N, C-alpha and C. Protein backbone atom coordinates (compact mmCIF):
# COMPACT_ATOMS: atom_id res chain seq x y z
N MET A 1 0.83 -1.20 0.00
CA MET A 1 0.00 0.00 0.00
C MET A 1 0.87 1.25 0.00
N ILE A 2 0.27 2.35 -0.28
CA ILE A 2 0.96 3.62 -0.38
C ILE A 2 0.71 4.38 0.93
N PRO A 3 1.73 4.99 1.54
CA PRO A 3 3.10 5.15 1.06
C PRO A 3 3.88 3.83 1.12
N ALA A 4 4.90 3.75 0.25
CA ALA A 4 5.70 2.54 0.17
C ALA A 4 7.17 2.87 -0.01
N GLN A 5 8.00 2.21 0.75
CA GLN A 5 9.45 2.30 0.63
C GLN A 5 9.88 1.17 -0.30
N PHE A 6 10.93 1.41 -1.12
CA PHE A 6 11.36 0.33 -2.01
C PHE A 6 11.88 -0.86 -1.22
N GLY A 7 12.69 -0.61 -0.21
CA GLY A 7 13.18 -1.69 0.64
C GLY A 7 14.42 -2.37 0.10
N PRO A 8 14.71 -3.58 0.61
CA PRO A 8 15.94 -4.29 0.22
C PRO A 8 15.85 -4.82 -1.21
N PRO A 9 17.00 -5.24 -1.76
CA PRO A 9 17.00 -5.79 -3.13
C PRO A 9 16.03 -6.96 -3.26
N VAL A 10 15.48 -7.09 -4.47
CA VAL A 10 14.49 -8.13 -4.77
C VAL A 10 15.00 -8.95 -5.95
N ARG A 11 14.93 -10.26 -5.85
CA ARG A 11 15.30 -11.14 -6.96
C ARG A 11 14.15 -11.12 -7.98
N ALA A 12 14.49 -10.98 -9.25
CA ALA A 12 13.50 -11.00 -10.34
C ALA A 12 14.06 -11.91 -11.43
N GLY A 13 13.80 -13.19 -11.32
CA GLY A 13 14.39 -14.13 -12.27
C GLY A 13 15.89 -14.18 -12.07
N ARG A 14 16.63 -13.83 -13.12
CA ARG A 14 18.09 -13.88 -13.05
C ARG A 14 18.73 -12.58 -12.60
N VAL A 15 17.94 -11.54 -12.39
CA VAL A 15 18.49 -10.24 -12.01
C VAL A 15 18.01 -9.84 -10.61
N LEU A 16 18.71 -8.85 -10.05
CA LEU A 16 18.30 -8.25 -8.78
C LEU A 16 17.80 -6.85 -9.07
N LEU A 17 16.79 -6.44 -8.35
CA LEU A 17 16.27 -5.07 -8.43
C LEU A 17 16.57 -4.39 -7.11
N ARG A 18 17.16 -3.20 -7.20
CA ARG A 18 17.46 -2.42 -6.01
C ARG A 18 17.47 -0.95 -6.39
N MET A 19 17.46 -0.11 -5.38
CA MET A 19 17.54 1.32 -5.66
C MET A 19 18.92 1.67 -6.21
N MET A 20 18.95 2.70 -7.05
CA MET A 20 20.22 3.20 -7.58
C MET A 20 21.09 3.67 -6.42
N SER A 21 22.40 3.56 -6.61
CA SER A 21 23.34 4.13 -5.64
C SER A 21 24.46 4.81 -6.41
N THR A 22 25.21 5.64 -5.72
CA THR A 22 26.30 6.36 -6.38
C THR A 22 27.39 5.41 -6.86
N ASP A 23 27.41 4.18 -6.38
CA ASP A 23 28.36 3.19 -6.89
C ASP A 23 28.02 2.75 -8.32
N ASP A 24 26.84 3.11 -8.79
CA ASP A 24 26.37 2.66 -10.10
C ASP A 24 26.70 3.61 -11.25
N ILE A 25 27.33 4.72 -10.96
CA ILE A 25 27.52 5.77 -11.96
C ILE A 25 28.19 5.25 -13.23
N ASP A 26 29.28 4.52 -13.12
CA ASP A 26 29.98 4.06 -14.32
C ASP A 26 29.13 3.09 -15.14
N ASP A 27 28.45 2.16 -14.46
CA ASP A 27 27.59 1.22 -15.18
C ASP A 27 26.45 1.94 -15.90
N VAL A 28 25.83 2.90 -15.22
CA VAL A 28 24.72 3.64 -15.83
C VAL A 28 25.22 4.50 -16.99
N HIS A 29 26.37 5.13 -16.80
CA HIS A 29 26.92 5.94 -17.89
C HIS A 29 27.25 5.08 -19.11
N ALA A 30 27.59 3.82 -18.90
CA ALA A 30 27.92 2.93 -20.02
C ALA A 30 26.77 2.78 -21.00
N TYR A 31 25.52 2.96 -20.54
CA TYR A 31 24.40 2.92 -21.49
C TYR A 31 23.73 4.27 -21.67
N GLN A 32 23.61 5.08 -20.63
CA GLN A 32 22.97 6.39 -20.80
C GLN A 32 23.86 7.38 -21.53
N GLY A 33 25.12 7.05 -21.71
CA GLY A 33 26.03 7.90 -22.47
C GLY A 33 26.04 7.59 -23.95
N ARG A 34 25.18 6.68 -24.38
CA ARG A 34 25.15 6.23 -25.78
C ARG A 34 23.99 6.86 -26.55
N ASP A 35 24.29 7.37 -27.73
CA ASP A 35 23.26 7.96 -28.59
C ASP A 35 22.21 6.92 -28.98
N ASP A 36 22.63 5.69 -29.29
CA ASP A 36 21.67 4.67 -29.73
C ASP A 36 20.69 4.30 -28.62
N VAL A 37 21.11 4.37 -27.37
CA VAL A 37 20.23 4.08 -26.25
C VAL A 37 19.24 5.22 -26.03
N CYS A 38 19.69 6.45 -26.19
CA CYS A 38 18.86 7.62 -25.89
C CYS A 38 18.02 8.10 -27.08
N ARG A 39 18.12 7.43 -28.19
CA ARG A 39 17.44 7.84 -29.43
C ARG A 39 15.96 8.15 -29.21
N TYR A 40 15.25 7.33 -28.40
CA TYR A 40 13.82 7.53 -28.19
C TYR A 40 13.48 8.08 -26.80
N LEU A 41 14.49 8.45 -26.05
CA LEU A 41 14.25 8.96 -24.69
C LEU A 41 14.13 10.48 -24.70
N LEU A 42 13.60 11.03 -23.63
CA LEU A 42 13.41 12.48 -23.55
C LEU A 42 14.70 13.21 -23.20
N PHE A 43 15.79 12.49 -23.03
CA PHE A 43 17.08 13.13 -22.81
C PHE A 43 18.07 12.57 -23.82
N GLU A 44 19.06 13.40 -24.15
CA GLU A 44 20.10 12.95 -25.07
C GLU A 44 21.19 12.25 -24.27
N ALA A 45 22.13 11.62 -24.97
CA ALA A 45 23.22 10.92 -24.30
C ALA A 45 23.85 11.83 -23.25
N ARG A 46 24.08 11.26 -22.07
CA ARG A 46 24.56 12.06 -20.94
C ARG A 46 26.06 11.87 -20.73
N THR A 47 26.67 12.94 -20.24
CA THR A 47 28.07 12.86 -19.82
C THR A 47 28.12 12.11 -18.48
N ARG A 48 29.31 11.72 -18.07
CA ARG A 48 29.44 11.04 -16.78
C ARG A 48 28.98 11.96 -15.65
N GLU A 49 29.28 13.25 -15.76
CA GLU A 49 28.87 14.20 -14.72
C GLU A 49 27.35 14.30 -14.66
N GLN A 50 26.68 14.33 -15.81
CA GLN A 50 25.22 14.38 -15.82
C GLN A 50 24.62 13.11 -15.21
N VAL A 51 25.21 11.96 -15.54
CA VAL A 51 24.74 10.70 -14.95
C VAL A 51 24.94 10.73 -13.44
N ALA A 52 26.07 11.24 -12.97
CA ALA A 52 26.34 11.31 -11.52
C ALA A 52 25.28 12.15 -10.82
N GLU A 53 24.90 13.28 -11.41
CA GLU A 53 23.85 14.13 -10.82
C GLU A 53 22.52 13.39 -10.77
N GLN A 54 22.16 12.72 -11.87
CA GLN A 54 20.90 12.00 -11.93
C GLN A 54 20.87 10.84 -10.92
N VAL A 55 21.94 10.07 -10.88
CA VAL A 55 21.99 8.92 -9.97
C VAL A 55 21.89 9.38 -8.52
N ALA A 56 22.56 10.46 -8.16
CA ALA A 56 22.47 10.98 -6.78
C ALA A 56 21.03 11.36 -6.45
N ARG A 57 20.34 12.01 -7.39
CA ARG A 57 18.94 12.37 -7.17
C ARG A 57 18.07 11.12 -7.06
N HIS A 58 18.29 10.17 -7.96
CA HIS A 58 17.49 8.94 -7.94
C HIS A 58 17.70 8.14 -6.66
N ALA A 59 18.94 8.09 -6.18
CA ALA A 59 19.25 7.32 -4.97
C ALA A 59 18.50 7.87 -3.75
N ALA A 60 18.17 9.15 -3.78
CA ALA A 60 17.47 9.79 -2.66
C ALA A 60 15.96 9.60 -2.74
N SER A 61 15.46 9.13 -3.87
CA SER A 61 14.01 8.97 -4.07
C SER A 61 13.62 7.52 -3.79
N THR A 62 13.30 7.22 -2.55
CA THR A 62 13.05 5.83 -2.16
C THR A 62 11.62 5.55 -1.70
N VAL A 63 10.79 6.59 -1.58
CA VAL A 63 9.44 6.42 -1.06
C VAL A 63 8.41 6.92 -2.07
N LEU A 64 7.37 6.11 -2.28
CA LEU A 64 6.22 6.54 -3.07
C LEU A 64 5.13 6.95 -2.09
N ALA A 65 4.83 8.25 -2.02
CA ALA A 65 3.81 8.73 -1.10
C ALA A 65 2.87 9.72 -1.76
N ALA A 66 3.41 10.55 -2.66
CA ALA A 66 2.61 11.61 -3.30
C ALA A 66 2.77 11.53 -4.81
N ASP A 67 1.83 12.14 -5.51
CA ASP A 67 1.89 12.18 -6.97
C ASP A 67 3.25 12.70 -7.42
N GLY A 68 3.86 12.00 -8.36
CA GLY A 68 5.16 12.41 -8.87
C GLY A 68 6.34 11.74 -8.19
N ASP A 69 6.13 11.12 -7.02
CA ASP A 69 7.21 10.37 -6.39
C ASP A 69 7.59 9.20 -7.28
N TYR A 70 8.87 8.84 -7.27
CA TYR A 70 9.30 7.77 -8.18
C TYR A 70 10.41 6.93 -7.57
N TRP A 71 10.57 5.76 -8.15
CA TRP A 71 11.71 4.89 -7.90
C TRP A 71 12.47 4.76 -9.20
N GLN A 72 13.77 4.91 -9.16
CA GLN A 72 14.64 4.60 -10.29
C GLN A 72 15.38 3.33 -9.85
N ILE A 73 14.96 2.22 -10.38
CA ILE A 73 15.37 0.91 -9.89
C ILE A 73 16.50 0.37 -10.77
N ALA A 74 17.62 0.05 -10.14
CA ALA A 74 18.74 -0.55 -10.86
C ALA A 74 18.42 -2.01 -11.14
N VAL A 75 18.65 -2.44 -12.37
CA VAL A 75 18.53 -3.85 -12.75
C VAL A 75 19.95 -4.40 -12.77
N VAL A 76 20.23 -5.30 -11.85
CA VAL A 76 21.61 -5.75 -11.59
C VAL A 76 21.79 -7.21 -11.99
N LEU A 77 22.79 -7.45 -12.81
CA LEU A 77 23.20 -8.81 -13.12
C LEU A 77 24.20 -9.21 -12.03
N PRO A 78 23.86 -10.22 -11.22
CA PRO A 78 24.74 -10.58 -10.10
C PRO A 78 26.12 -11.04 -10.58
N ALA A 79 27.08 -10.97 -9.67
CA ALA A 79 28.44 -11.44 -9.96
C ALA A 79 28.39 -12.92 -10.29
N SER A 80 29.24 -13.31 -11.24
CA SER A 80 29.29 -14.71 -11.66
C SER A 80 30.70 -15.02 -12.15
N GLY A 81 31.30 -16.05 -11.58
CA GLY A 81 32.66 -16.40 -11.99
C GLY A 81 33.60 -15.24 -11.79
N HIS A 82 34.23 -14.81 -12.88
CA HIS A 82 35.17 -13.68 -12.82
C HIS A 82 34.49 -12.34 -13.12
N GLU A 83 33.19 -12.37 -13.41
CA GLU A 83 32.45 -11.15 -13.73
C GLU A 83 31.90 -10.51 -12.46
N ALA A 84 32.14 -9.22 -12.29
CA ALA A 84 31.62 -8.49 -11.14
C ALA A 84 30.14 -8.17 -11.35
N GLU A 85 29.44 -7.88 -10.25
CA GLU A 85 28.06 -7.40 -10.33
C GLU A 85 28.02 -6.20 -11.26
N ARG A 86 26.95 -6.08 -12.05
CA ARG A 86 26.87 -4.98 -13.01
C ARG A 86 25.44 -4.52 -13.19
N VAL A 87 25.24 -3.19 -13.20
CA VAL A 87 23.93 -2.62 -13.53
C VAL A 87 23.81 -2.65 -15.05
N ILE A 88 22.79 -3.37 -15.54
CA ILE A 88 22.61 -3.54 -16.99
C ILE A 88 21.45 -2.71 -17.53
N GLY A 89 20.73 -2.05 -16.63
CA GLY A 89 19.61 -1.22 -17.05
C GLY A 89 18.90 -0.67 -15.83
N ASP A 90 17.80 0.01 -16.09
CA ASP A 90 17.01 0.53 -14.97
C ASP A 90 15.54 0.58 -15.34
N ILE A 91 14.73 0.50 -14.31
CA ILE A 91 13.28 0.60 -14.44
C ILE A 91 12.86 1.85 -13.69
N TYR A 92 12.10 2.70 -14.38
CA TYR A 92 11.55 3.91 -13.77
C TYR A 92 10.11 3.61 -13.40
N PHE A 93 9.74 3.87 -12.16
CA PHE A 93 8.35 3.69 -11.75
C PHE A 93 7.92 4.91 -10.96
N THR A 94 6.84 5.55 -11.41
CA THR A 94 6.36 6.75 -10.72
C THR A 94 4.90 6.60 -10.33
N LEU A 95 4.55 7.22 -9.23
CA LEU A 95 3.17 7.29 -8.79
C LEU A 95 2.53 8.47 -9.51
N LYS A 96 1.71 8.18 -10.51
CA LYS A 96 1.07 9.25 -11.30
C LYS A 96 -0.06 9.91 -10.52
N SER A 97 -0.89 9.10 -9.86
CA SER A 97 -2.02 9.64 -9.11
C SER A 97 -2.35 8.71 -7.95
N ARG A 98 -2.12 9.21 -6.75
CA ARG A 98 -2.46 8.42 -5.56
C ARG A 98 -3.98 8.24 -5.47
N GLU A 99 -4.71 9.31 -5.76
CA GLU A 99 -6.17 9.25 -5.69
C GLU A 99 -6.74 8.20 -6.63
N ASN A 100 -6.20 8.13 -7.85
CA ASN A 100 -6.70 7.20 -8.86
C ASN A 100 -5.92 5.89 -8.91
N LEU A 101 -4.99 5.72 -7.97
CA LEU A 101 -4.18 4.50 -7.88
C LEU A 101 -3.53 4.16 -9.22
N ALA A 102 -2.85 5.17 -9.79
CA ALA A 102 -2.25 5.03 -11.11
C ALA A 102 -0.74 5.23 -11.05
N GLY A 103 -0.03 4.41 -11.81
CA GLY A 103 1.42 4.51 -11.90
C GLY A 103 1.88 4.50 -13.34
N GLU A 104 3.17 4.76 -13.52
CA GLU A 104 3.78 4.71 -14.85
C GLU A 104 5.10 3.96 -14.75
N ILE A 105 5.37 3.13 -15.74
CA ILE A 105 6.61 2.36 -15.79
C ILE A 105 7.37 2.69 -17.07
N GLY A 106 8.68 2.67 -16.97
CA GLY A 106 9.54 2.87 -18.14
C GLY A 106 10.85 2.13 -17.90
N TRP A 107 11.67 2.00 -18.93
CA TRP A 107 12.89 1.20 -18.80
C TRP A 107 13.94 1.67 -19.77
N THR A 108 15.18 1.41 -19.41
CA THR A 108 16.34 1.67 -20.26
C THR A 108 17.34 0.56 -19.98
N PHE A 109 17.86 -0.06 -21.05
CA PHE A 109 18.81 -1.16 -20.89
C PHE A 109 20.02 -1.00 -21.79
N HIS A 110 21.14 -1.51 -21.32
CA HIS A 110 22.36 -1.52 -22.13
C HIS A 110 22.14 -2.47 -23.31
N PRO A 111 22.46 -2.04 -24.53
CA PRO A 111 22.23 -2.88 -25.71
C PRO A 111 22.92 -4.25 -25.64
N ASP A 112 24.02 -4.35 -24.94
CA ASP A 112 24.73 -5.63 -24.84
C ASP A 112 23.91 -6.68 -24.10
N PHE A 113 22.87 -6.26 -23.38
CA PHE A 113 22.08 -7.20 -22.58
C PHE A 113 20.64 -7.30 -23.06
N ARG A 114 20.33 -6.72 -24.20
CA ARG A 114 18.98 -6.82 -24.76
C ARG A 114 18.78 -8.19 -25.40
N GLY A 115 17.52 -8.58 -25.51
CA GLY A 115 17.20 -9.83 -26.18
C GLY A 115 17.43 -11.08 -25.35
N ARG A 116 17.67 -10.92 -24.07
CA ARG A 116 17.93 -12.08 -23.21
C ARG A 116 16.84 -12.30 -22.16
N GLY A 117 15.80 -11.46 -22.18
CA GLY A 117 14.71 -11.62 -21.23
C GLY A 117 14.88 -10.88 -19.92
N TYR A 118 16.01 -10.20 -19.73
CA TYR A 118 16.23 -9.49 -18.47
C TYR A 118 15.19 -8.39 -18.25
N ALA A 119 14.89 -7.63 -19.29
CA ALA A 119 13.92 -6.53 -19.16
C ALA A 119 12.54 -7.07 -18.81
N THR A 120 12.16 -8.18 -19.42
CA THR A 120 10.86 -8.78 -19.13
C THR A 120 10.80 -9.23 -17.67
N GLU A 121 11.85 -9.88 -17.20
CA GLU A 121 11.88 -10.34 -15.80
C GLU A 121 11.80 -9.16 -14.84
N ALA A 122 12.57 -8.12 -15.11
CA ALA A 122 12.61 -6.95 -14.22
C ALA A 122 11.28 -6.20 -14.23
N ALA A 123 10.77 -5.89 -15.42
CA ALA A 123 9.53 -5.12 -15.51
C ALA A 123 8.35 -5.91 -14.96
N SER A 124 8.32 -7.23 -15.17
CA SER A 124 7.25 -8.06 -14.60
C SER A 124 7.25 -7.97 -13.08
N ALA A 125 8.43 -8.00 -12.49
CA ALA A 125 8.52 -7.92 -11.03
C ALA A 125 8.03 -6.57 -10.51
N VAL A 126 8.34 -5.50 -11.24
CA VAL A 126 7.88 -4.17 -10.83
C VAL A 126 6.36 -4.07 -10.98
N LEU A 127 5.81 -4.61 -12.06
CA LEU A 127 4.34 -4.61 -12.23
C LEU A 127 3.68 -5.44 -11.13
N ARG A 128 4.25 -6.58 -10.81
CA ARG A 128 3.70 -7.42 -9.73
C ARG A 128 3.64 -6.61 -8.44
N ARG A 129 4.71 -5.89 -8.15
CA ARG A 129 4.73 -5.08 -6.94
C ARG A 129 3.69 -3.96 -7.01
N ALA A 130 3.57 -3.32 -8.16
CA ALA A 130 2.61 -2.22 -8.33
C ALA A 130 1.19 -2.68 -8.04
N PHE A 131 0.83 -3.83 -8.57
CA PHE A 131 -0.55 -4.31 -8.41
C PHE A 131 -0.76 -5.07 -7.10
N ALA A 132 0.11 -6.02 -6.80
CA ALA A 132 -0.11 -6.89 -5.64
C ALA A 132 0.24 -6.25 -4.31
N GLU A 133 1.30 -5.44 -4.29
CA GLU A 133 1.74 -4.85 -3.02
C GLU A 133 1.27 -3.42 -2.82
N LEU A 134 1.37 -2.60 -3.88
CA LEU A 134 0.97 -1.20 -3.74
C LEU A 134 -0.53 -1.02 -3.90
N GLY A 135 -1.19 -2.00 -4.50
CA GLY A 135 -2.64 -1.92 -4.69
C GLY A 135 -3.07 -0.95 -5.77
N LEU A 136 -2.20 -0.73 -6.77
CA LEU A 136 -2.57 0.19 -7.84
C LEU A 136 -3.64 -0.42 -8.74
N HIS A 137 -4.42 0.46 -9.35
CA HIS A 137 -5.50 0.06 -10.26
C HIS A 137 -5.02 0.02 -11.71
N ARG A 138 -4.04 0.89 -12.05
CA ARG A 138 -3.67 1.07 -13.44
C ARG A 138 -2.20 1.48 -13.54
N VAL A 139 -1.50 0.92 -14.52
CA VAL A 139 -0.12 1.30 -14.81
C VAL A 139 0.00 1.51 -16.31
N ILE A 140 0.64 2.63 -16.70
CA ILE A 140 0.85 2.91 -18.11
C ILE A 140 2.35 2.92 -18.43
N ALA A 141 2.63 2.79 -19.72
CA ALA A 141 3.97 3.02 -20.27
C ALA A 141 3.77 3.99 -21.42
N GLU A 142 4.49 5.10 -21.38
CA GLU A 142 4.40 6.13 -22.42
C GLU A 142 5.69 6.05 -23.22
N LEU A 143 5.57 5.88 -24.55
CA LEU A 143 6.77 5.65 -25.34
C LEU A 143 6.68 6.23 -26.74
N ASP A 144 7.83 6.28 -27.37
CA ASP A 144 7.92 6.70 -28.77
C ASP A 144 7.52 5.50 -29.62
N PRO A 145 6.49 5.64 -30.45
CA PRO A 145 6.00 4.51 -31.24
C PRO A 145 7.03 3.94 -32.22
N ARG A 146 8.12 4.64 -32.44
CA ARG A 146 9.18 4.09 -33.30
C ARG A 146 10.06 3.11 -32.54
N ASN A 147 9.89 3.04 -31.23
CA ASN A 147 10.71 2.18 -30.38
C ASN A 147 10.12 0.77 -30.35
N ALA A 148 10.45 -0.01 -31.37
CA ALA A 148 9.89 -1.36 -31.53
C ALA A 148 10.24 -2.26 -30.35
N ALA A 149 11.43 -2.12 -29.78
CA ALA A 149 11.82 -2.97 -28.66
C ALA A 149 10.94 -2.72 -27.43
N SER A 150 10.62 -1.46 -27.16
CA SER A 150 9.76 -1.16 -26.01
C SER A 150 8.33 -1.61 -26.25
N ILE A 151 7.86 -1.48 -27.47
CA ILE A 151 6.51 -1.97 -27.79
C ILE A 151 6.45 -3.48 -27.60
N ALA A 152 7.48 -4.19 -28.07
CA ALA A 152 7.51 -5.64 -27.90
C ALA A 152 7.52 -6.01 -26.42
N LEU A 153 8.26 -5.26 -25.60
CA LEU A 153 8.28 -5.52 -24.17
C LEU A 153 6.90 -5.30 -23.57
N CYS A 154 6.23 -4.23 -23.96
CA CYS A 154 4.86 -3.99 -23.47
C CYS A 154 3.97 -5.19 -23.77
N HIS A 155 4.06 -5.72 -24.98
CA HIS A 155 3.24 -6.88 -25.36
C HIS A 155 3.61 -8.11 -24.52
N ARG A 156 4.91 -8.35 -24.30
CA ARG A 156 5.32 -9.50 -23.48
C ARG A 156 4.80 -9.37 -22.05
N LEU A 157 4.70 -8.14 -21.57
CA LEU A 157 4.20 -7.90 -20.22
C LEU A 157 2.69 -8.03 -20.13
N GLY A 158 2.02 -8.08 -21.27
CA GLY A 158 0.56 -8.16 -21.28
C GLY A 158 -0.11 -6.80 -21.32
N MET A 159 0.66 -5.75 -21.58
CA MET A 159 0.07 -4.41 -21.69
C MET A 159 -0.56 -4.27 -23.08
N ARG A 160 -1.56 -3.44 -23.17
CA ARG A 160 -2.25 -3.23 -24.44
C ARG A 160 -2.08 -1.78 -24.88
N GLU A 161 -2.09 -1.58 -26.20
CA GLU A 161 -2.04 -0.20 -26.70
C GLU A 161 -3.37 0.45 -26.38
N GLU A 162 -3.29 1.60 -25.74
CA GLU A 162 -4.51 2.27 -25.32
C GLU A 162 -4.73 3.59 -26.05
N ALA A 163 -3.64 4.23 -26.44
CA ALA A 163 -3.78 5.52 -27.12
C ALA A 163 -2.58 5.75 -28.02
N TYR A 164 -2.82 6.54 -29.03
CA TYR A 164 -1.76 6.94 -29.96
C TYR A 164 -2.00 8.41 -30.26
N PHE A 165 -1.08 9.25 -29.81
CA PHE A 165 -1.21 10.69 -30.02
C PHE A 165 -0.29 11.11 -31.15
N VAL A 166 -0.85 11.75 -32.15
CA VAL A 166 -0.11 12.15 -33.34
C VAL A 166 0.49 13.54 -33.14
N LYS A 167 1.82 13.61 -33.32
CA LYS A 167 2.56 14.87 -33.26
C LYS A 167 2.15 15.72 -32.05
N ASP A 168 2.17 15.10 -30.88
CA ASP A 168 1.76 15.80 -29.66
C ASP A 168 2.94 16.28 -28.82
N LEU A 169 4.17 15.95 -29.24
CA LEU A 169 5.33 16.24 -28.41
C LEU A 169 6.44 16.84 -29.26
N MET A 170 6.94 18.01 -28.84
CA MET A 170 8.10 18.58 -29.51
C MET A 170 9.32 17.81 -29.01
N PHE A 171 9.97 17.10 -29.92
CA PHE A 171 11.05 16.19 -29.57
C PHE A 171 12.25 16.49 -30.44
N ARG A 172 13.27 17.10 -29.83
CA ARG A 172 14.51 17.43 -30.53
C ARG A 172 14.27 18.22 -31.81
N GLY A 173 13.39 19.22 -31.68
CA GLY A 173 13.16 20.16 -32.77
C GLY A 173 12.12 19.74 -33.78
N ASP A 174 11.43 18.64 -33.55
CA ASP A 174 10.41 18.18 -34.49
C ASP A 174 9.24 17.60 -33.69
N TRP A 175 8.07 17.56 -34.31
CA TRP A 175 6.91 16.99 -33.65
C TRP A 175 6.99 15.48 -33.72
N ALA A 176 6.70 14.83 -32.60
CA ALA A 176 6.77 13.37 -32.52
C ALA A 176 5.46 12.82 -31.96
N ASP A 177 5.19 11.57 -32.29
CA ASP A 177 4.01 10.87 -31.79
C ASP A 177 4.32 10.25 -30.42
N THR A 178 3.26 9.91 -29.69
CA THR A 178 3.39 9.23 -28.40
C THR A 178 2.44 8.05 -28.37
N GLY A 179 2.94 6.91 -27.93
CA GLY A 179 2.10 5.73 -27.73
C GLY A 179 1.91 5.50 -26.24
N ILE A 180 0.70 5.13 -25.87
CA ILE A 180 0.40 4.81 -24.47
C ILE A 180 -0.04 3.35 -24.40
N TYR A 181 0.67 2.60 -23.59
CA TYR A 181 0.30 1.21 -23.32
C TYR A 181 -0.14 1.14 -21.87
N ALA A 182 -1.08 0.25 -21.56
CA ALA A 182 -1.63 0.24 -20.21
C ALA A 182 -2.00 -1.17 -19.77
N MET A 183 -2.14 -1.29 -18.47
CA MET A 183 -2.62 -2.53 -17.86
C MET A 183 -3.39 -2.15 -16.60
N LEU A 184 -4.51 -2.83 -16.39
CA LEU A 184 -5.31 -2.66 -15.18
C LEU A 184 -5.01 -3.80 -14.21
N ASP A 185 -5.36 -3.58 -12.96
CA ASP A 185 -5.14 -4.61 -11.95
C ASP A 185 -5.84 -5.91 -12.30
N VAL A 186 -7.06 -5.83 -12.83
CA VAL A 186 -7.78 -7.06 -13.19
C VAL A 186 -7.09 -7.78 -14.35
N GLU A 187 -6.48 -7.03 -15.25
CA GLU A 187 -5.74 -7.65 -16.35
C GLU A 187 -4.48 -8.33 -15.82
N TRP A 188 -3.82 -7.70 -14.86
CA TRP A 188 -2.64 -8.32 -14.24
C TRP A 188 -3.04 -9.62 -13.53
N SER A 189 -4.14 -9.57 -12.78
CA SER A 189 -4.60 -10.76 -12.06
C SER A 189 -4.91 -11.89 -13.02
N THR A 190 -5.60 -11.58 -14.10
CA THR A 190 -5.94 -12.60 -15.11
C THR A 190 -4.67 -13.16 -15.73
N ARG A 191 -3.75 -12.28 -16.09
CA ARG A 191 -2.48 -12.70 -16.70
C ARG A 191 -1.70 -13.58 -15.74
N SER A 192 -1.67 -13.20 -14.47
CA SER A 192 -0.92 -13.96 -13.47
C SER A 192 -1.51 -15.35 -13.27
N VAL A 193 -2.83 -15.45 -13.29
CA VAL A 193 -3.50 -16.74 -13.13
C VAL A 193 -3.19 -17.64 -14.33
N ILE A 194 -3.26 -17.07 -15.53
CA ILE A 194 -2.99 -17.84 -16.75
C ILE A 194 -1.54 -18.30 -16.77
N ALA A 195 -0.62 -17.38 -16.41
CA ALA A 195 0.81 -17.70 -16.43
C ALA A 195 1.19 -18.64 -15.29
N GLY A 196 0.40 -18.61 -14.21
CA GLY A 196 0.73 -19.25 -12.98
C GLY A 196 0.74 -20.70 -12.92
C-alpha cells in the first residue's frame, strides 16, 4: 500500500532489483552515455557528470507517497565467476495519481544485454509489486512509437495499446508521436493466473 518504501533488493528471475546508488555511476553511464540508447528517450546521451547528478537524485528517491514520487530501480546482473556485479539497465516507476491508484513504468537497458529476457523479468517484477503490493489500479507506459523494442516488451508484459497521439510532443526540434500502453489490476490478475 501507499506510502511505500522500495526496501531491500528483490530477486527477479536472473536479475536483482534495487535502488540506484552512487556506486552505479559508471555502469549507468555505459548505457545512458550512448546515442543509440537515448534515441527515443526524452534526454540525449549524458556525460558522466550528468549521470552522476541523476543517480544521486534517484538514490534519494526511495518512497512513493505523493503524486510524482518515483523509484529509479537498478537492474543488476549478479556477480558470476570472474564477472563483477553490473547494472545492466534501470526501471523507472512513478506514482502518477495516488487518488486514482495510477502509476507509470519505463525502462532503459544496455544494448549488450537486450534480447535475453532481463527486461521482461525486471519489468514483470515491478508490475507485480505495483498491483499486488501497492494496490494500484492502473499502470501505463508512455513511449515513442518508433521504439519497436519497447513496444515488444509492453506486449510481453501483457500491456495493451490504449492511445496513440499524433505529433503531440516537440522532440529534438520536431513533432513526434506518443504511444500509451496500459494494464489494469484485473488484467494483471488474469495474466498472473494464466501464467501461474
